[in-house]
C-alpha atoms as a PDB file:
ATOM      1  CA  UNK A   1      -0.017  -0.023   0.256  1.00  0.00           C
ATOM      2  CA  UNK A   2       2.850   2.473   0.795  1.00  0.00           C
ATOM      3  CA  UNK A   3       4.620   2.211  -2.431  1.00  0.00           C
ATOM      4  CA  UNK A   4       0.916   2.574  -4.411  1.00  0.00           C
ATOM      5  CA  UNK A   5       0.646   5.784  -2.441  1.00  0.00           C
ATOM      6  CA  UNK A   6       4.153   7.067  -3.489  1.00  0.00           C
ATOM      7  CA  UNK A   7       3.670   6.070  -7.199  1.00  0.00           C
ATOM      8  CA  UNK A   8       0.413   7.839  -7.538  1.00  0.00           C
ATOM      9  CA  UNK A   9       2.292  10.986  -5.867  1.00  0.00           C
ATOM     10  CA  UNK A  10       5.027  10.375  -8.064  1.00  0.00           C
ATOM     11  CA  UNK A  11       3.008   9.985 -11.153  1.00  0.00           C
ATOM     12  CA  UNK A  12       0.929  13.523 -10.175  1.00  0.00           C
ATOM     13  CA  UNK A  13       4.200  15.679  -9.221  1.00  0.00           C
ATOM     14  CA  UNK A  14       5.329  14.358 -12.650  1.00  0.00           C
ATOM     15  CA  UNK A  15       2.086  15.011 -14.468  1.00  0.00           C
ATOM     16  CA  UNK A  16       1.921  18.777 -13.119  1.00  0.00           C
ATOM     17  CA  UNK A  17       5.430  19.385 -13.799  1.00  0.00           C
ATOM     18  CA  UNK A  18       5.177  18.324 -17.575  1.00  0.00           C
ATOM     19  CA  UNK A  19       1.643  20.584 -17.483  1.00  0.00           C
ATOM     20  CA  UNK A  20       3.705  23.535 -16.479  1.00  0.00           C
ATOM     21  CA  UNK A  21       6.229  22.940 -18.997  1.00  0.00           C
ATOM     22  CA  UNK A  22       3.700  22.857 -21.290  1.00  0.00           C
ATOM     23  CA  UNK A  23       1.656  25.675 -20.359  1.00  0.00           C
ATOM     24  CA  UNK A  24       4.266  28.234 -19.760  1.00  0.00           C
ATOM     25  CA  UNK A  25       6.010  28.232 -23.078  1.00  0.00           C
ATOM     26  CA  UNK A  26       7.720  31.637 -23.582  1.00  0.00           C
ATOM     27  CA  UNK A  27       5.333  34.010 -24.962  1.00  0.00           C
ATOM     28  CA  UNK A  28       6.738  36.508 -27.880  1.00  0.00           C
ATOM     29  CA  UNK A  29       6.307  39.785 -27.447  1.00  0.00           C
ATOM     30  CA  UNK A  30       4.567  40.937 -30.888  1.00  0.00           C
ATOM     31  CA  UNK A  31       4.547  44.538 -30.255  1.00  0.00           C
ATOM     32  CA  UNK A  32       6.267  46.822 -32.941  1.00  0.00           C
ATOM     33  CA  UNK A  33       7.735  49.887 -32.609  1.00  0.00           C
ATOM     34  CA  UNK A  34       7.833  52.311 -35.383  1.00  0.00           C
ATOM     35  CA  UNK A  35      11.039  54.488 -35.371  1.00  0.00           C
ATOM     36  CA  UNK A  36      11.074  57.589 -37.324  1.00  0.00           C
ATOM     37  CA  UNK A  37      14.137  59.766 -38.157  1.00  0.00           C
ATOM     38  CA  UNK A  38      14.068  63.002 -39.525  1.00  0.00           C
ATOM     39  CA  UNK A  39      16.419  64.948 -41.685  1.00  0.00           C
ATOM     40  CA  UNK A  40      16.432  67.640 -43.891  1.00  0.00           C
ATOM     41  CA  UNK A  41      15.897  67.246 -47.794  1.00  0.00           C
ATOM     42  CA  UNK A  42      18.735  69.941 -48.598  1.00  0.00           C
ATOM     43  CA  UNK A  43      21.194  68.266 -46.135  1.00  0.00           C
ATOM     44  CA  UNK A  44      19.973  64.337 -45.848  1.00  0.00           C
ATOM     45  CA  UNK A  45      22.930  64.587 -43.199  1.00  0.00           C
ATOM     46  CA  UNK A  46      21.430  66.668 -40.676  1.00  0.00           C
ATOM     47  CA  UNK A  47      18.851  65.047 -38.063  1.00  0.00           C
ATOM     48  CA  UNK A  48      15.969  67.305 -36.958  1.00  0.00           C
ATOM     49  CA  UNK A  49      15.324  67.587 -33.125  1.00  0.00           C
ATOM     50  CA  UNK A  50      12.223  68.766 -31.998  1.00  0.00           C
ATOM     51  CA  UNK A  51       9.749  67.956 -34.768  1.00  0.00           C
ATOM     52  CA  UNK A  52       6.233  67.393 -34.506  1.00  0.00           C
ATOM     53  CA  UNK A  53       5.606  64.161 -35.292  1.00  0.00           C
ATOM     54  CA  UNK A  54       1.964  62.810 -36.293  1.00  0.00           C
ATOM     55  CA  UNK A  55       0.944  59.196 -37.150  1.00  0.00           C
ATOM     56  CA  UNK A  56      -2.614  58.417 -38.234  1.00  0.00           C
ATOM     57  CA  UNK A  57      -5.225  56.599 -40.139  1.00  0.00           C
ATOM     58  CA  UNK A  58      -9.123  56.705 -39.280  1.00  0.00           C
ATOM     59  CA  UNK A  59      -9.635  56.595 -35.336  1.00  0.00           C
ATOM     60  CA  UNK A  60      -5.772  56.169 -34.237  1.00  0.00           C
ATOM     61  CA  UNK A  61      -3.610  59.580 -33.798  1.00  0.00           C
ATOM     62  CA  UNK A  62      -0.702  59.511 -32.379  1.00  0.00           C
ATOM     63  CA  UNK A  63       1.717  63.055 -31.675  1.00  0.00           C
ATOM     64  CA  UNK A  64       4.975  63.514 -30.495  1.00  0.00           C
ATOM     65  CA  UNK A  65       8.227  65.013 -31.233  1.00  0.00           C
ATOM     66  CA  UNK A  66      11.383  63.711 -32.017  1.00  0.00           C
ATOM     67  CA  UNK A  67      14.208  63.793 -29.880  1.00  0.00           C
ATOM     68  CA  UNK A  68      18.201  65.222 -29.826  1.00  0.00           C
ATOM     69  CA  UNK A  69      18.902  62.642 -32.324  1.00  0.00           C
ATOM     70  CA  UNK A  70      15.900  63.799 -34.744  1.00  0.00           C
ATOM     71  CA  UNK A  71      14.182  60.205 -33.847  1.00  0.00           C
ATOM     72  CA  UNK A  72      10.820  59.604 -32.586  1.00  0.00           C
ATOM     73  CA  UNK A  73       9.845  56.107 -31.558  1.00  0.00           C
ATOM     74  CA  UNK A  74       6.000  54.785 -30.874  1.00  0.00           C
ATOM     75  CA  UNK A  75       4.968  51.226 -29.888  1.00  0.00           C
ATOM     76  CA  UNK A  76       2.041  49.459 -31.315  1.00  0.00           C
ATOM     77  CA  UNK A  77       0.536  46.227 -30.021  1.00  0.00           C
ATOM     78  CA  UNK A  78      -1.476  45.442 -33.538  1.00  0.00           C
ATOM     79  CA  UNK A  79      -0.417  45.709 -37.864  1.00  0.00           C
ATOM     80  CA  UNK A  80      -1.089  48.929 -38.829  1.00  0.00           C
ATOM     81  CA  UNK A  81      -0.259  51.277 -41.943  1.00  0.00           C
ATOM     82  CA  UNK A  82      -0.176  54.964 -40.873  1.00  0.00           C
ATOM     83  CA  UNK A  83       0.303  58.094 -42.416  1.00  0.00           C
ATOM     84  CA  UNK A  84       2.993  59.844 -41.369  1.00  0.00           C
ATOM     85  CA  UNK A  85       3.328  64.176 -41.042  1.00  0.00           C
ATOM     86  CA  UNK A  86       6.130  65.807 -39.772  1.00  0.00           C
ATOM     87  CA  UNK A  87       6.579  69.464 -39.093  1.00  0.00           C
ATOM     88  CA  UNK A  88       9.137  72.343 -37.712  1.00  0.00           C
ATOM     89  CA  UNK A  89       8.381  76.097 -38.426  1.00  0.00           C
ATOM     90  CA  UNK A  90       7.517  76.431 -42.268  1.00  0.00           C
ATOM     91  CA  UNK A  91       9.233  72.721 -43.138  1.00  0.00           C
ATOM     92  CA  UNK A  92       7.279  69.876 -44.076  1.00  0.00           C
ATOM     93  CA  UNK A  93       7.270  66.366 -44.829  1.00  0.00           C
ATOM     94  CA  UNK A  94       5.099  63.219 -45.238  1.00  0.00           C
ATOM     95  CA  UNK A  95       5.547  59.348 -45.669  1.00  0.00           C
ATOM     96  CA  UNK A  96       3.626  56.049 -44.581  1.00  0.00           C
ATOM     97  CA  UNK A  97       4.991  53.479 -42.511  1.00  0.00           C
ATOM     98  CA  UNK A  98       3.646  49.698 -42.473  1.00  0.00           C
ATOM     99  CA  UNK A  99       3.879  47.711 -39.359  1.00  0.00           C
ATOM    100  CA  UNK A 100       3.121  44.472 -40.615  1.00  0.00           C
ATOM    101  CA  UNK A 101       5.072  41.803 -38.904  1.00  0.00           C
ATOM    102  CA  UNK A 102       4.451  41.261 -35.008  1.00  0.00           C
ATOM    103  CA  UNK A 103       7.882  41.626 -33.011  1.00  0.00           C
ATOM    104  CA  UNK A 104       9.376  43.331 -36.060  1.00  0.00           C
ATOM    105  CA  UNK A 105      10.706  46.913 -35.260  1.00  0.00           C
ATOM    106  CA  UNK A 106      10.444  49.503 -38.445  1.00  0.00           C
ATOM    107  CA  UNK A 107      12.712  52.478 -39.140  1.00  0.00           C
ATOM    108  CA  UNK A 108      11.770  54.891 -41.429  1.00  0.00           C
ATOM    109  CA  UNK A 109      13.180  58.113 -42.617  1.00  0.00           C
ATOM    110  CA  UNK A 110      11.075  61.290 -43.223  1.00  0.00           C
ATOM    111  CA  UNK A 111      12.842  64.028 -45.353  1.00  0.00           C
ATOM    112  CA  UNK A 112      10.912  67.530 -44.948  1.00  0.00           C
ATOM    113  CA  UNK A 113      11.747  70.417 -46.604  1.00  0.00           C
END
């Protein structure tokens, strides 16, 4: 009787361990980061800090400003294609970004003129 209890306990513990391995698989991060770099059209080596960035499509509207390196980043959880508008003073630039592969970041350069 004692060995049967040990066998049952060992079986249940083994079953629990195997079940925890099956259900605790690593969850992949499906978020995607849009990385926008804003540059001058007249001198493409110059990155533009403090430019206003707007990414939008239908009811999605994201606003922000480029950092000191002329970059703006925003993370999305679902695939999406967005229109981009960048302005600073009288300079403007437009573009489109397509975030379609979950877990993959997309880098896009927008030239303003």
